[in-house]
Amino acid sequence: MNTEPRTKISILREHMAAERWQKAIIIAAKFPRLGEHKETILRAHGAYTNPHFYAQIGKDIEALKEAGRTALLEKYSF
């Protein structure tokens, strides 16, 4: 039995490994230091949580989600 506490980053990586991208992006969007990937991850989060808004302003929802996935992979080297 693993008694070590689970960290947010370990939970994020579990979701990434299982390809649960929506959950991974929701977790990552709350991280304070996302560096150069911040805007991309936040836009992906918005695409998941408020897709109608992004569609109304002419954004490609799936492209935003894919960019968020790519940003997570680059940021967390998974």
N, C-alpha and C. Protein backbone atom coordinates (compact mmCIF):
# COMPACT_ATOMS: atom_id res chain seq x y z
N MET A 1 0.84 -1.18 0.00
CA MET A 1 0.00 0.00 0.00
C MET A 1 0.88 1.24 0.00
N ASN A 2 0.60 2.17 -0.89
CA ASN A 2 1.36 3.40 -1.00
C ASN A 2 0.81 4.42 -0.01
N THR A 3 1.65 4.84 0.95
CA THR A 3 1.19 5.79 1.96
C THR A 3 1.63 7.21 1.67
N GLU A 4 2.37 7.41 0.59
CA GLU A 4 2.79 8.76 0.24
C GLU A 4 1.60 9.56 -0.26
N PRO A 5 1.53 10.84 0.14
CA PRO A 5 0.42 11.66 -0.35
C PRO A 5 0.55 11.91 -1.85
N ARG A 6 -0.58 11.95 -2.51
CA ARG A 6 -0.57 12.23 -3.95
C ARG A 6 -0.45 13.73 -4.15
N THR A 7 0.44 14.12 -5.03
CA THR A 7 0.61 15.53 -5.33
C THR A 7 -0.25 15.88 -6.54
N LYS A 8 -0.47 17.17 -6.72
CA LYS A 8 -1.25 17.61 -7.87
C LYS A 8 -0.56 17.23 -9.17
N ILE A 9 0.77 17.34 -9.19
CA ILE A 9 1.50 16.99 -10.41
C ILE A 9 1.40 15.49 -10.69
N SER A 10 1.40 14.66 -9.66
CA SER A 10 1.26 13.22 -9.89
C SER A 10 -0.14 12.88 -10.40
N ILE A 11 -1.14 13.57 -9.88
CA ILE A 11 -2.51 13.37 -10.36
C ILE A 11 -2.62 13.83 -11.81
N LEU A 12 -2.01 14.98 -12.12
CA LEU A 12 -1.99 15.48 -13.50
C LEU A 12 -1.37 14.44 -14.43
N ARG A 13 -0.23 13.91 -14.04
CA ARG A 13 0.46 12.93 -14.90
C ARG A 13 -0.34 11.64 -15.05
N GLU A 14 -1.07 11.24 -14.01
CA GLU A 14 -1.94 10.06 -14.11
C GLU A 14 -3.02 10.30 -15.17
N HIS A 15 -3.63 11.48 -15.14
CA HIS A 15 -4.66 11.80 -16.13
C HIS A 15 -4.06 11.85 -17.54
N MET A 16 -2.86 12.42 -17.66
CA MET A 16 -2.21 12.48 -18.96
C MET A 16 -1.91 11.07 -19.48
N ALA A 17 -1.40 10.21 -18.62
CA ALA A 17 -1.07 8.85 -19.02
C ALA A 17 -2.31 8.08 -19.47
N ALA A 18 -3.43 8.37 -18.84
CA ALA A 18 -4.69 7.70 -19.17
C ALA A 18 -5.45 8.43 -20.28
N GLU A 19 -4.84 9.49 -20.81
CA GLU A 19 -5.43 10.31 -21.87
C GLU A 19 -6.77 10.91 -21.46
N ARG A 20 -6.86 11.28 -20.20
CA ARG A 20 -8.02 12.03 -19.70
C ARG A 20 -7.64 13.51 -19.75
N TRP A 21 -7.62 14.03 -20.97
CA TRP A 21 -7.09 15.37 -21.21
C TRP A 21 -7.92 16.46 -20.57
N GLN A 22 -9.21 16.32 -20.55
CA GLN A 22 -10.04 17.36 -19.94
C GLN A 22 -9.69 17.51 -18.47
N LYS A 23 -9.61 16.41 -17.76
CA LYS A 23 -9.27 16.47 -16.34
C LYS A 23 -7.86 17.02 -16.13
N ALA A 24 -6.93 16.60 -16.98
CA ALA A 24 -5.55 17.08 -16.87
C ALA A 24 -5.48 18.59 -17.08
N ILE A 25 -6.18 19.08 -18.08
CA ILE A 25 -6.15 20.52 -18.37
C ILE A 25 -6.83 21.31 -17.26
N ILE A 26 -7.91 20.80 -16.71
CA ILE A 26 -8.59 21.49 -15.61
C ILE A 26 -7.65 21.62 -14.41
N ILE A 27 -6.91 20.57 -14.11
CA ILE A 27 -5.96 20.63 -13.00
C ILE A 27 -4.83 21.61 -13.31
N ALA A 28 -4.24 21.49 -14.49
CA ALA A 28 -3.11 22.33 -14.86
C ALA A 28 -3.48 23.80 -14.92
N ALA A 29 -4.69 24.11 -15.31
CA ALA A 29 -5.12 25.51 -15.43
C ALA A 29 -5.09 26.23 -14.08
N LYS A 30 -5.09 25.48 -13.00
CA LYS A 30 -5.05 26.07 -11.65
C LYS A 30 -3.62 26.28 -11.15
N PHE A 31 -2.64 25.75 -11.86
CA PHE A 31 -1.25 25.89 -11.43
C PHE A 31 -0.81 27.34 -11.59
N PRO A 32 -0.07 27.88 -10.63
CA PRO A 32 0.32 29.29 -10.71
C PRO A 32 1.44 29.58 -11.71
N ARG A 33 2.31 28.61 -11.98
CA ARG A 33 3.46 28.85 -12.84
C ARG A 33 3.43 27.94 -14.06
N LEU A 34 2.81 28.41 -15.11
CA LEU A 34 2.73 27.62 -16.34
C LEU A 34 3.69 28.14 -17.41
N GLY A 35 4.34 29.25 -17.12
CA GLY A 35 5.33 29.79 -18.04
C GLY A 35 4.74 30.14 -19.39
N GLU A 36 5.50 29.82 -20.43
CA GLU A 36 5.09 30.16 -21.79
C GLU A 36 3.84 29.43 -22.25
N HIS A 37 3.42 28.41 -21.51
CA HIS A 37 2.26 27.60 -21.89
C HIS A 37 0.96 28.07 -21.24
N LYS A 38 1.05 29.10 -20.42
CA LYS A 38 -0.11 29.55 -19.64
C LYS A 38 -1.33 29.86 -20.51
N GLU A 39 -1.17 30.74 -21.47
CA GLU A 39 -2.32 31.15 -22.29
C GLU A 39 -2.93 29.97 -23.05
N THR A 40 -2.08 29.10 -23.57
CA THR A 40 -2.57 27.95 -24.34
C THR A 40 -3.37 27.01 -23.44
N ILE A 41 -2.85 26.74 -22.25
CA ILE A 41 -3.55 25.85 -21.32
C ILE A 41 -4.86 26.48 -20.84
N LEU A 42 -4.83 27.78 -20.58
CA LEU A 42 -6.05 28.46 -20.14
C LEU A 42 -7.10 28.50 -21.25
N ARG A 43 -6.67 28.68 -22.49
CA ARG A 43 -7.63 28.66 -23.61
C ARG A 43 -8.23 27.26 -23.78
N ALA A 44 -7.40 26.23 -23.62
CA ALA A 44 -7.91 24.86 -23.70
C ALA A 44 -8.91 24.61 -22.58
N HIS A 45 -8.61 25.11 -21.40
CA HIS A 45 -9.54 24.98 -20.28
C HIS A 45 -10.87 25.65 -20.62
N GLY A 46 -10.79 26.84 -21.20
CA GLY A 46 -12.00 27.54 -21.62
C GLY A 46 -12.77 26.79 -22.69
N ALA A 47 -12.05 26.14 -23.59
CA ALA A 47 -12.70 25.36 -24.65
C ALA A 47 -13.48 24.18 -24.06
N TYR A 48 -12.97 23.60 -22.98
CA TYR A 48 -13.68 22.51 -22.32
C TYR A 48 -14.85 23.02 -21.48
N THR A 49 -14.64 24.13 -20.77
CA THR A 49 -15.66 24.59 -19.82
C THR A 49 -16.71 25.50 -20.43
N ASN A 50 -16.36 26.19 -21.51
CA ASN A 50 -17.30 27.13 -22.12
C ASN A 50 -17.17 27.12 -23.65
N PRO A 51 -17.42 25.98 -24.27
CA PRO A 51 -17.20 25.86 -25.71
C PRO A 51 -18.08 26.79 -26.55
N HIS A 52 -19.28 27.08 -26.08
CA HIS A 52 -20.18 27.95 -26.86
C HIS A 52 -19.60 29.35 -27.01
N PHE A 53 -18.98 29.86 -25.96
CA PHE A 53 -18.37 31.18 -26.03
C PHE A 53 -17.27 31.21 -27.09
N TYR A 54 -16.38 30.22 -27.04
CA TYR A 54 -15.27 30.19 -27.99
C TYR A 54 -15.76 30.00 -29.42
N ALA A 55 -16.82 29.24 -29.59
CA ALA A 55 -17.41 29.08 -30.92
C ALA A 55 -17.99 30.40 -31.41
N GLN A 56 -18.63 31.14 -30.51
CA GLN A 56 -19.22 32.43 -30.88
C GLN A 56 -18.17 33.43 -31.34
N ILE A 57 -16.98 33.36 -30.77
CA ILE A 57 -15.94 34.32 -31.18
C ILE A 57 -15.06 33.75 -32.29
N GLY A 58 -15.51 32.65 -32.88
CA GLY A 58 -14.86 32.12 -34.07
C GLY A 58 -13.66 31.24 -33.84
N LYS A 59 -13.50 30.71 -32.64
CA LYS A 59 -12.37 29.83 -32.35
C LYS A 59 -12.73 28.38 -32.66
N ASP A 60 -11.73 27.63 -33.08
CA ASP A 60 -11.88 26.20 -33.34
C ASP A 60 -11.68 25.46 -32.02
N ILE A 61 -12.75 24.93 -31.47
CA ILE A 61 -12.73 24.30 -30.15
C ILE A 61 -11.74 23.14 -30.11
N GLU A 62 -11.79 22.28 -31.09
CA GLU A 62 -10.90 21.12 -31.10
C GLU A 62 -9.43 21.53 -31.23
N ALA A 63 -9.16 22.58 -31.99
CA ALA A 63 -7.78 23.08 -32.13
C ALA A 63 -7.28 23.63 -30.79
N LEU A 64 -8.14 24.31 -30.05
CA LEU A 64 -7.75 24.82 -28.73
C LEU A 64 -7.45 23.68 -27.77
N LYS A 65 -8.28 22.65 -27.81
CA LYS A 65 -8.07 21.48 -26.94
C LYS A 65 -6.77 20.77 -27.30
N GLU A 66 -6.52 20.60 -28.59
CA GLU A 66 -5.30 19.93 -29.04
C GLU A 66 -4.06 20.75 -28.66
N ALA A 67 -4.15 22.06 -28.79
CA ALA A 67 -3.03 22.92 -28.40
C ALA A 67 -2.75 22.78 -26.90
N GLY A 68 -3.80 22.66 -26.11
CA GLY A 68 -3.64 22.45 -24.67
C GLY A 68 -2.96 21.13 -24.36
N ARG A 69 -3.35 20.09 -25.07
CA ARG A 69 -2.70 18.78 -24.89
C ARG A 69 -1.22 18.88 -25.21
N THR A 70 -0.91 19.51 -26.33
CA THR A 70 0.48 19.67 -26.74
C THR A 70 1.26 20.47 -25.70
N ALA A 71 0.67 21.53 -25.19
CA ALA A 71 1.33 22.36 -24.18
C ALA A 71 1.62 21.55 -22.91
N LEU A 72 0.66 20.73 -22.49
CA LEU A 72 0.89 19.89 -21.31
C LEU A 72 2.05 18.92 -21.55
N LEU A 73 2.06 18.32 -22.72
CA LEU A 73 3.14 17.38 -23.03
C LEU A 73 4.49 18.07 -23.05
N GLU A 74 4.55 19.27 -23.60
CA GLU A 74 5.81 20.02 -23.63
C GLU A 74 6.21 20.47 -22.23
N LYS A 75 5.27 20.98 -21.47
CA LYS A 75 5.56 21.53 -20.14
C LYS A 75 5.98 20.45 -19.16
N TYR A 76 5.31 19.33 -19.19
CA TYR A 76 5.54 18.30 -18.19
C TYR A 76 6.29 17.10 -18.73
N SER A 77 6.85 17.21 -19.92
CA SER A 77 7.75 16.21 -20.52
C SER A 77 7.27 14.79 -20.31
N PHE A 78 6.04 14.56 -20.66
CA PHE A 78 5.48 13.22 -20.47
C PHE A 78 5.47 12.48 -21.77
